Amino acid sequence: MPATRGNLRKVRLNGQPDTGPSTFQLDHGLSHYPAHTMARDAAEEKKLHRQGFSRSQLEMMGKIVQYYETDFELQGMMGRPDYIDDEHSIVGPEFLLHGTQTDWDTIYDSGGLKSQGTNPSASLHVLSSSANATGYVSGTRVLSVAKSFAKSTGWVYLIYAPQGIAVHSTSPHKQAEVAAIDSVPIKDIFMFKLLTDPNLIYINEDFRSALKSQQNLDRCLRFLGGGTYPQGLFWSNVP
């Protein structure tokens, strides 16, 4: 079923899809808006709310601070990881992949990707986000992991997380996971594809969370495509 909701632009990649190494990931050399920090008081909460965090995201941030008994913030523009414990760190802002069998129109009508609950445990989230009703949306830095959750007929979304919980490679669950906090609104979903036609990419023109330069667009298309593409222009617009 094609995606129809919202303000979408379609492009087709010219090359072999999904042939890149399974560990390929988008690096941090992209143009972001300034990083955000966790809210510490009412004045800062209002500031963050103006910067685009929803009320539910701010509430979930507060639960994380209390659960891990730490007062953390992002370090610098690129979001240098801030250690929580032996298995988790705070990271962001970052582009991630989310694999699911839920189609775009359903996600659009619900306002974006939503968490299953408010449990702040990142460890339980990795085990099962639904069974443990966690307050995160799963993301990964690796395309093959996202595809495994989407199955052969599902969807892979390229999302932007201003902050998230990264699971270290020392964890028993090696999925290159970065869990987005609470939800991923429509404005934080950059592009997506249906795995039955992996070279057709839908770009969400309502994406507002990072700078939409040509460099960002090309690198994100290569990331989501995950294939072998020529240098220079490797995609064309689809009517």
Protein backbone atom coordinates (compact mmCIF):
# COMPACT_ATOMS: atom_id res chain seq x y z
CA MET A 1 0.00 0.00 0.00
CA PRO A 2 1.57 3.35 -1.00
CA ALA A 3 1.96 6.22 1.46
CA THR A 4 -0.53 9.04 0.83
CA ARG A 5 -0.89 11.16 3.98
CA GLY A 6 0.84 14.47 4.58
CA ASN A 7 3.22 16.45 2.40
CA LEU A 8 5.37 13.81 0.71
CA ARG A 9 7.96 13.92 -2.04
CA LYS A 10 9.04 10.72 -3.79
CA VAL A 11 12.49 9.99 -5.17
CA ARG A 12 13.95 6.84 -6.72
CA LEU A 13 17.53 5.79 -6.01
CA ASN A 14 19.65 4.68 -8.95
CA GLY A 15 21.65 1.64 -7.87
CA GLN A 16 21.50 -1.65 -6.04
CA PRO A 17 19.58 -1.28 -2.75
CA ASP A 18 20.49 -2.88 0.57
CA THR A 19 23.92 -4.06 -0.53
CA GLY A 20 25.98 -1.96 1.88
CA PRO A 21 27.69 -3.47 4.95
CA SER A 22 25.29 -4.33 7.75
CA THR A 23 27.19 -2.08 10.16
CA PHE A 24 26.91 0.99 7.91
CA GLN A 25 25.63 3.97 9.86
CA LEU A 26 25.21 7.70 9.46
CA ASP A 27 27.99 9.58 11.20
CA HIS A 28 27.52 12.76 13.20
CA GLY A 29 28.98 15.09 10.59
CA LEU A 30 25.59 16.56 9.74
CA SER A 31 24.15 20.00 10.30
CA HIS A 32 21.90 19.97 13.34
CA TYR A 33 20.00 22.61 15.17
CA PRO A 34 21.56 23.32 18.61
CA ALA A 35 21.33 20.44 21.07
CA HIS A 36 18.84 20.58 23.92
CA THR A 37 19.31 19.94 27.63
CA MET A 38 17.08 18.24 30.17
CA ALA A 39 14.69 20.56 32.00
CA ARG A 40 15.70 21.45 35.56
CA ASP A 41 13.10 24.08 36.47
CA ALA A 42 9.89 25.61 35.21
CA ALA A 43 11.64 28.36 33.23
CA GLU A 44 13.86 25.87 31.39
CA GLU A 45 10.90 23.56 30.79
CA LYS A 46 9.06 26.41 29.05
CA LYS A 47 12.15 27.11 26.96
CA LEU A 48 12.44 23.47 25.89
CA HIS A 49 8.73 23.35 25.09
CA ARG A 50 9.23 26.31 22.75
CA GLN A 51 12.17 24.51 21.12
CA GLY A 52 9.91 21.66 20.06
CA PHE A 53 9.74 19.09 22.86
CA SER A 54 6.18 18.02 23.65
CA ARG A 55 4.80 18.01 27.18
CA SER A 56 4.84 14.20 27.28
CA GLN A 57 8.49 14.14 26.16
CA LEU A 58 9.41 16.54 28.97
CA GLU A 59 7.52 14.40 31.50
CA MET A 60 9.36 11.30 30.31
CA MET A 61 12.69 13.11 30.62
CA GLY A 62 11.84 13.82 34.25
CA LYS A 63 11.09 10.13 34.89
CA ILE A 64 14.45 9.15 33.37
CA VAL A 65 16.32 11.62 35.59
CA GLN A 66 14.60 10.23 38.68
CA TYR A 67 14.98 6.58 37.67
CA TYR A 68 18.71 6.79 36.99
CA GLU A 69 19.30 9.22 39.88
CA THR A 70 21.39 11.48 37.72
CA ASP A 71 21.20 15.01 36.42
CA PHE A 72 22.41 14.81 32.85
CA GLU A 73 22.61 17.03 29.83
CA LEU A 74 24.01 16.89 26.35
CA GLN A 75 27.56 18.07 25.93
CA GLY A 76 27.95 20.35 22.92
CA MET A 77 26.39 20.59 19.48
CA MET A 78 26.99 16.98 18.44
CA GLY A 79 25.67 15.47 21.66
CA ARG A 80 28.74 13.87 23.20
CA PRO A 81 27.51 10.76 25.08
CA ASP A 82 26.81 11.28 28.78
CA TYR A 83 27.41 8.10 30.80
CA ILE A 84 24.51 6.68 32.87
CA ASP A 85 25.68 3.18 33.79
CA ASP A 86 27.67 0.26 32.36
CA GLU A 87 25.13 -0.34 29.58
CA HIS A 88 23.57 3.06 28.77
CA SER A 89 24.44 6.64 27.86
CA ILE A 90 22.49 9.75 26.91
CA VAL A 91 23.16 10.73 23.28
CA GLY A 92 21.82 13.09 20.67
CA PRO A 93 20.91 14.76 18.46
CA GLU A 94 21.12 11.86 16.03
CA PHE A 95 19.54 10.32 12.93
CA LEU A 96 18.31 6.75 13.53
CA LEU A 97 16.41 3.98 11.76
CA HIS A 98 13.13 2.48 12.98
CA GLY A 99 11.78 -0.72 11.45
CA THR A 100 8.12 -1.65 11.79
CA GLN A 101 5.20 -3.23 9.95
CA THR A 102 3.09 -0.13 10.61
CA ASP A 103 2.49 1.87 7.44
CA TRP A 104 3.05 5.60 7.06
CA ASP A 105 -0.63 6.58 6.78
CA THR A 106 -1.38 4.94 10.14
CA ILE A 107 1.61 6.62 11.77
CA TYR A 108 0.69 9.97 10.25
CA ASP A 109 -2.91 9.76 11.45
CA SER A 110 -1.72 9.00 15.00
CA GLY A 111 0.68 11.96 15.04
CA GLY A 112 3.93 10.00 14.82
CA LEU A 113 5.64 7.03 16.45
CA LYS A 114 4.53 6.53 20.06
CA SER A 115 5.99 4.64 23.00
CA GLN A 116 4.12 1.76 24.64
CA GLY A 117 4.04 3.35 28.12
CA THR A 118 6.12 5.37 30.58
CA ASN A 119 8.48 2.82 32.15
CA PRO A 120 11.91 4.58 32.17
CA SER A 121 14.02 1.39 32.21
CA ALA A 122 16.11 1.20 29.04
CA SER A 123 17.13 -2.37 29.90
CA LEU A 124 13.51 -3.53 29.96
CA HIS A 125 12.86 -1.63 26.74
CA VAL A 126 15.49 -3.68 24.92
CA LEU A 127 13.94 -6.90 26.24
CA SER A 128 10.41 -5.93 25.16
CA SER A 129 9.03 -2.43 24.78
CA SER A 130 5.42 -3.63 24.62
CA ALA A 131 5.49 -6.20 27.43
CA ASN A 132 7.25 -3.75 29.74
CA ALA A 133 5.30 -0.67 28.59
CA THR A 134 8.42 1.44 28.25
CA GLY A 135 8.56 5.14 27.47
CA TYR A 136 10.81 4.88 24.43
CA VAL A 137 10.60 4.44 20.67
CA SER A 138 13.16 1.98 19.32
CA GLY A 139 15.86 3.23 17.00
CA THR A 140 19.04 1.74 15.61
CA ARG A 141 22.18 2.95 13.86
CA VAL A 142 22.25 -0.15 11.64
CA LEU A 143 19.99 -0.75 8.63
CA SER A 144 19.98 -4.54 8.89
CA VAL A 145 18.59 -4.33 12.44
CA ALA A 146 15.76 -2.02 11.35
CA LYS A 147 14.95 -4.37 8.45
CA SER A 148 14.74 -7.35 10.81
CA PHE A 149 11.95 -5.59 12.73
CA ALA A 150 10.18 -4.49 9.55
CA LYS A 151 10.21 -8.04 8.15
CA SER A 152 10.22 -8.43 4.37
CA THR A 153 7.05 -6.39 3.75
CA GLY A 154 7.36 -3.65 6.37
CA TRP A 155 8.63 -0.09 6.55
CA VAL A 156 11.91 1.51 7.61
CA TYR A 157 11.81 5.11 8.83
CA LEU A 158 14.71 7.52 9.15
CA ILE A 159 13.98 9.51 12.30
CA TYR A 160 15.65 12.36 14.13
CA ALA A 161 16.05 12.07 17.90
CA PRO A 162 17.12 15.26 19.73
CA GLN A 163 17.93 13.02 22.71
CA GLY A 164 17.94 9.30 23.35
CA ILE A 165 19.30 6.43 25.43
CA ALA A 166 22.09 4.50 23.69
CA VAL A 167 22.66 0.86 24.60
CA HIS A 168 26.39 0.09 24.75
CA SER A 169 27.93 -2.62 22.59
CA THR A 170 28.73 -4.50 25.83
CA SER A 171 25.01 -5.19 26.32
CA PRO A 172 23.83 -8.77 25.64
CA HIS A 173 21.42 -7.31 23.06
CA LYS A 174 23.69 -6.03 20.28
CA GLN A 175 21.23 -4.08 18.13
CA ALA A 176 23.09 -0.73 18.00
CA GLU A 177 20.01 0.59 19.80
CA VAL A 178 19.33 4.23 20.57
CA ALA A 179 15.90 4.59 22.14
CA ALA A 180 14.14 7.89 21.38
CA ILE A 181 12.42 9.41 24.39
CA ASP A 182 8.60 9.07 24.59
CA SER A 183 7.67 9.66 20.95
CA VAL A 184 8.80 10.68 17.48
CA PRO A 185 6.40 13.31 16.11
CA ILE A 186 5.79 13.72 12.38
CA LYS A 187 8.20 16.67 12.23
CA ASP A 188 10.99 14.33 13.40
CA ILE A 189 10.48 11.72 10.64
CA PHE A 190 12.69 12.68 7.69
CA MET A 191 12.08 9.89 5.16
CA PHE A 192 11.05 6.26 4.86
CA LYS A 193 10.74 3.30 2.50
CA LEU A 194 8.66 0.16 2.00
CA LEU A 195 10.90 -2.89 1.81
CA THR A 196 9.01 -4.37 -1.12
CA ASP A 197 10.28 -1.39 -3.22
CA PRO A 198 13.49 -0.39 -1.41
CA ASN A 199 14.75 2.14 -3.98
CA LEU A 200 11.60 4.26 -3.71
CA ILE A 201 12.09 6.78 -0.90
CA TYR A 202 9.35 8.97 0.54
CA ILE A 203 10.63 12.30 1.90
CA ASN A 204 8.50 14.02 4.53
CA GLU A 205 8.44 17.68 3.50
CA ASP A 206 7.05 18.59 6.93
CA PHE A 207 10.30 17.47 8.58
CA ARG A 208 11.44 20.43 10.67
CA SER A 209 13.94 19.10 13.20
CA ALA A 210 17.26 19.47 11.36
CA LEU A 211 18.67 21.56 8.57
CA LYS A 212 17.53 20.24 5.20
CA SER A 213 20.68 20.99 3.19
CA GLN A 214 21.53 19.11 -0.01
CA GLN A 215 24.41 17.42 1.84
CA ASN A 216 22.08 16.19 4.58
CA LEU A 217 19.56 14.97 2.02
CA ASP A 218 22.12 12.99 0.00
CA ARG A 219 23.73 11.38 3.04
CA CYS A 220 20.39 10.43 4.54
CA LEU A 221 19.23 8.91 1.25
CA ARG A 222 22.39 6.79 1.12
CA PHE A 223 21.89 5.79 4.76
CA LEU A 224 18.28 4.69 4.30
CA GLY A 225 18.96 3.13 0.88
CA GLY A 226 21.87 1.14 2.27
CA GLY A 227 23.00 0.14 -1.20
CA THR A 228 25.63 0.70 -3.86
CA TYR A 229 25.09 4.04 -5.59
CA PRO A 230 27.21 6.10 -8.01
CA GLN A 231 29.01 9.26 -6.98
CA GLY A 232 27.26 12.52 -7.76
CA LEU A 233 23.53 12.56 -8.44
CA PHE A 234 22.20 9.08 -7.65
CA TRP A 235 18.48 9.74 -7.35
CA SER A 236 15.64 11.23 -9.41
CA ASN A 237 12.27 12.70 -8.52
CA VAL A 238 9.16 10.58 -9.02
CA PRO A 239 5.97 12.33 -10.24
